[in-house]
Amino acid sequence: MKKLVRLLLTIALAFVVFTGFRWYRYITNTDSPYDEIGITLNNAMPGPFNAWGCAKLKTTFGTSLPPYGCAAKNATQWK
């Protein structure tokens, strides 16, 4: 039973690390703010992480339209 629990915890940790790395790589990119997987991950992040990610993206891509999850009510301005 301990081996099963250890295996499940290892899989869960690997998933969290991979997802977190993929999200951070999207937030710190300099190519485009419109990566579909990155947008989905950023939109699924809790409030403070999403806000930090949107602020980081706005710093890099402030002159372009914001991606989904970082747009204000009118969808043309950043949060």
C-alpha atoms as a PDB file:
ATOM      1  CA  MET A   1       0.000   0.000   0.000  1.00  0.00           C
ATOM      2  CA  LYS A   2       2.856   2.384   0.787  1.00  0.00           C
ATOM      3  CA  LYS A   3       4.327   1.796  -2.664  1.00  0.00           C
ATOM      4  CA  LEU A   4       1.044   2.713  -4.322  1.00  0.00           C
ATOM      5  CA  VAL A   5       0.723   5.915  -2.297  1.00  0.00           C
ATOM      6  CA  ARG A   6       4.344   6.819  -3.075  1.00  0.00           C
ATOM      7  CA  LEU A   7       3.767   6.177  -6.790  1.00  0.00           C
ATOM      8  CA  LEU A   8       0.620   8.315  -6.838  1.00  0.00           C
ATOM      9  CA  LEU A   9       2.360  11.147  -4.981  1.00  0.00           C
ATOM     10  CA  THR A  10       5.295  10.974  -7.393  1.00  0.00           C
ATOM     11  CA  ILE A  11       2.966  11.154 -10.393  1.00  0.00           C
ATOM     12  CA  ALA A  12       1.047  14.078  -8.869  1.00  0.00           C
ATOM     13  CA  LEU A  13       4.267  15.943  -8.097  1.00  0.00           C
ATOM     14  CA  ALA A  14       5.605  15.353 -11.600  1.00  0.00           C
ATOM     15  CA  PHE A  15       2.351  16.684 -13.062  1.00  0.00           C
ATOM     16  CA  VAL A  16       2.473  19.832 -10.906  1.00  0.00           C
ATOM     17  CA  VAL A  17       6.134  20.481 -11.745  1.00  0.00           C
ATOM     18  CA  PHE A  18       5.590  19.958 -15.482  1.00  0.00           C
ATOM     19  CA  THR A  19       2.456  22.134 -15.549  1.00  0.00           C
ATOM     20  CA  GLY A  20       4.099  24.872 -13.484  1.00  0.00           C
ATOM     21  CA  PHE A  21       7.175  24.877 -15.705  1.00  0.00           C
ATOM     22  CA  ARG A  22       5.024  25.035 -18.862  1.00  0.00           C
ATOM     23  CA  TRP A  23       3.017  27.942 -17.421  1.00  0.00           C
ATOM     24  CA  TYR A  24       6.152  29.830 -16.330  1.00  0.00           C
ATOM     25  CA  ARG A  25       7.710  29.306 -19.755  1.00  0.00           C
ATOM     26  CA  TYR A  26       4.592  30.822 -21.343  1.00  0.00           C
ATOM     27  CA  ILE A  27       4.584  33.816 -18.983  1.00  0.00           C
ATOM     28  CA  THR A  28       8.248  34.632 -19.589  1.00  0.00           C
ATOM     29  CA  ASN A  29       8.227  34.076 -23.366  1.00  0.00           C
ATOM     30  CA  THR A  30       9.082  36.859 -25.790  1.00  0.00           C
ATOM     31  CA  ASP A  31       7.525  35.447 -28.976  1.00  0.00           C
ATOM     32  CA  SER A  32       3.751  35.665 -28.664  1.00  0.00           C
ATOM     33  CA  PRO A  33       1.111  35.927 -25.935  1.00  0.00           C
ATOM     34  CA  TYR A  34      -1.288  33.750 -27.964  1.00  0.00           C
ATOM     35  CA  ASP A  35      -0.037  30.219 -27.192  1.00  0.00           C
ATOM     36  CA  GLU A  36      -3.206  28.169 -26.636  1.00  0.00           C
ATOM     37  CA  ILE A  37      -1.812  25.898 -23.934  1.00  0.00           C
ATOM     38  CA  GLY A  38      -0.234  28.824 -22.095  1.00  0.00           C
ATOM     39  CA  ILE A  39      -3.443  30.818 -22.220  1.00  0.00           C
ATOM     40  CA  THR A  40      -5.391  27.863 -20.830  1.00  0.00           C
ATOM     41  CA  LEU A  41      -2.890  27.291 -18.029  1.00  0.00           C
ATOM     42  CA  ASN A  42      -2.750  30.986 -17.096  1.00  0.00           C
ATOM     43  CA  ASN A  43      -6.527  31.239 -17.096  1.00  0.00           C
ATOM     44  CA  ALA A  44      -6.751  28.184 -14.793  1.00  0.00           C
ATOM     45  CA  MET A  45      -4.264  29.578 -12.268  1.00  0.00           C
ATOM     46  CA  PRO A  46      -5.535  30.980  -8.945  1.00  0.00           C
ATOM     47  CA  GLY A  47      -6.080  34.744  -8.755  1.00  0.00           C
ATOM     48  CA  PRO A  48      -2.642  35.945  -7.580  1.00  0.00           C
ATOM     49  CA  PHE A  49      -0.766  33.731 -10.052  1.00  0.00           C
ATOM     50  CA  ASN A  50      -3.053  34.778 -12.895  1.00  0.00           C
ATOM     51  CA  ALA A  51      -2.668  38.450 -12.002  1.00  0.00           C
ATOM     52  CA  TRP A  52       1.124  38.140 -11.844  1.00  0.00           C
ATOM     53  CA  GLY A  53       1.171  36.286 -15.161  1.00  0.00           C
ATOM     54  CA  CYS A  54      -1.021  38.881 -16.839  1.00  0.00           C
ATOM     55  CA  ALA A  55       1.136  41.711 -15.493  1.00  0.00           C
ATOM     56  CA  LYS A  56       4.262  39.978 -16.795  1.00  0.00           C
ATOM     57  CA  LEU A  57       2.654  39.439 -20.215  1.00  0.00           C
ATOM     58  CA  LYS A  58       1.444  43.045 -20.289  1.00  0.00           C
ATOM     59  CA  THR A  59       4.996  44.247 -19.625  1.00  0.00           C
ATOM     60  CA  THR A  60       6.234  42.260 -22.616  1.00  0.00           C
ATOM     61  CA  PHE A  61       3.256  42.577 -24.994  1.00  0.00           C
ATOM     62  CA  GLY A  62       1.453  45.702 -23.761  1.00  0.00           C
ATOM     63  CA  THR A  63       0.846  47.101 -27.245  1.00  0.00           C
ATOM     64  CA  SER A  64      -1.007  44.021 -28.551  1.00  0.00           C
ATOM     65  CA  LEU A  65      -4.446  42.673 -27.694  1.00  0.00           C
ATOM     66  CA  PRO A  66      -4.485  40.738 -24.404  1.00  0.00           C
ATOM     67  CA  PRO A  67      -4.981  36.964 -24.443  1.00  0.00           C
ATOM     68  CA  TYR A  68      -8.070  35.369 -22.921  1.00  0.00           C
ATOM     69  CA  GLY A  69      -7.895  35.597 -19.144  1.00  0.00           C
ATOM     70  CA  CYS A  70      -5.925  38.854 -19.164  1.00  0.00           C
ATOM     71  CA  ALA A  71      -8.476  41.013 -20.942  1.00  0.00           C
ATOM     72  CA  ALA A  72     -10.717  43.575 -19.276  1.00  0.00           C
ATOM     73  CA  LYS A  73     -14.488  43.560 -19.839  1.00  0.00           C
ATOM     74  CA  ASN A  74     -14.245  45.081 -23.334  1.00  0.00           C
ATOM     75  CA  ALA A  75     -11.662  42.429 -24.448  1.00  0.00           C
ATOM     76  CA  THR A  76      -9.398  45.057 -25.998  1.00  0.00           C
ATOM     77  CA  GLN A  77      -7.629  46.330 -22.861  1.00  0.00           C
ATOM     78  CA  TRP A  78      -5.442  44.536 -20.331  1.00  0.00           C
ATOM     79  CA  LYS A  79      -6.682  43.949 -16.776  1.00  0.00           C
END
